[in-house]
Amino acid sequence: MGFAFDMYGKRSPEFIGGFLAAMDMLAVWKDGQRYVGVLEQPLKKAMQEVVNDLAEVPENFEDIIEKYF
């Protein structure tokens, strides 16, 4: 489990959707790719990690993540 689980535990789909939207809003462009966080992790990878941490069924969020790309 990662930082998101440590901070929030398992959460509702609505919470996770909001979390992903916030990540999208805060992402920055660099060399043609979007990154998030001080470590500049690729946005898609970061979103997948958050979903794996927070969702009971991470597979339910694959379509939502793809909408951002």
Protein backbone atom coordinates (compact mmCIF):
# COMPACT_ATOMS: atom_id res chain seq x y z
CA MET A 1 0.00 0.00 0.00
CA GLY A 2 1.13 3.51 -0.72
CA PHE A 3 0.77 7.00 0.64
CA ALA A 4 -2.88 7.37 -0.39
CA PHE A 5 -3.95 4.31 1.60
CA ASP A 6 -1.88 5.45 4.58
CA MET A 7 -3.63 8.83 4.53
CA TYR A 8 -7.19 7.89 3.53
CA GLY A 9 -7.73 4.12 3.63
CA LYS A 10 -10.30 2.58 1.30
CA ARG A 11 -12.77 5.17 -0.01
CA SER A 12 -15.95 5.56 -2.04
CA PRO A 13 -15.92 5.81 -5.84
CA GLU A 14 -16.99 9.45 -5.57
CA PHE A 15 -13.99 10.30 -3.37
CA ILE A 16 -11.63 8.53 -5.77
CA GLY A 17 -13.13 10.36 -8.76
CA GLY A 18 -12.53 13.67 -7.02
CA PHE A 19 -9.00 12.67 -6.12
CA LEU A 20 -8.26 11.82 -9.77
CA ALA A 21 -9.75 15.14 -10.92
CA ALA A 22 -7.51 17.01 -8.48
CA MET A 23 -4.46 15.12 -9.73
CA ASP A 24 -5.41 16.04 -13.30
CA MET A 25 -5.78 19.69 -12.36
CA LEU A 26 -2.41 19.83 -10.60
CA ALA A 27 -0.41 17.95 -13.25
CA VAL A 28 2.23 19.86 -15.18
CA TRP A 29 3.54 19.42 -18.71
CA LYS A 30 7.21 18.61 -19.25
CA ASP A 31 8.75 17.33 -22.48
CA GLY A 32 5.35 16.47 -23.93
CA GLN A 33 4.20 14.38 -20.97
CA ARG A 34 2.17 15.19 -17.86
CA TYR A 35 3.68 14.75 -14.42
CA VAL A 36 2.43 15.16 -10.88
CA GLY A 37 4.10 15.67 -7.51
CA VAL A 38 7.50 16.87 -6.43
CA LEU A 39 9.08 13.68 -7.76
CA GLU A 40 7.46 14.35 -11.15
CA GLN A 41 5.85 10.94 -11.49
CA PRO A 42 4.00 10.36 -14.78
CA LEU A 43 0.35 11.24 -14.23
CA LYS A 44 -1.14 7.99 -15.52
CA LYS A 45 1.11 5.86 -13.31
CA ALA A 46 0.33 8.04 -10.29
CA MET A 47 -3.41 7.75 -10.93
CA GLN A 48 -3.19 3.97 -11.20
CA GLU A 49 -1.31 3.76 -7.92
CA VAL A 50 -3.89 5.92 -6.13
CA VAL A 51 -6.75 3.83 -7.47
CA ASN A 52 -4.99 0.63 -6.39
CA ASP A 53 -4.61 2.09 -2.90
CA LEU A 54 -8.09 3.54 -2.41
CA ALA A 55 -10.51 1.40 -4.43
CA GLU A 56 -12.08 -1.85 -3.34
CA VAL A 57 -12.20 -2.87 -7.04
CA PRO A 58 -9.47 -0.95 -8.93
CA GLU A 59 -10.56 -2.40 -12.28
CA ASN A 60 -13.72 -0.28 -12.11
CA PHE A 61 -11.62 2.86 -12.61
CA GLU A 62 -9.68 1.89 -15.76
CA ASP A 63 -12.17 3.71 -18.01
CA ILE A 64 -12.13 6.80 -15.82
CA ILE A 65 -8.33 7.02 -15.91
CA GLU A 66 -8.33 6.60 -19.69
CA LYS A 67 -10.65 9.62 -20.04
CA TYR A 68 -7.78 11.84 -18.89
CA PHE A 69 -5.56 10.63 -21.71
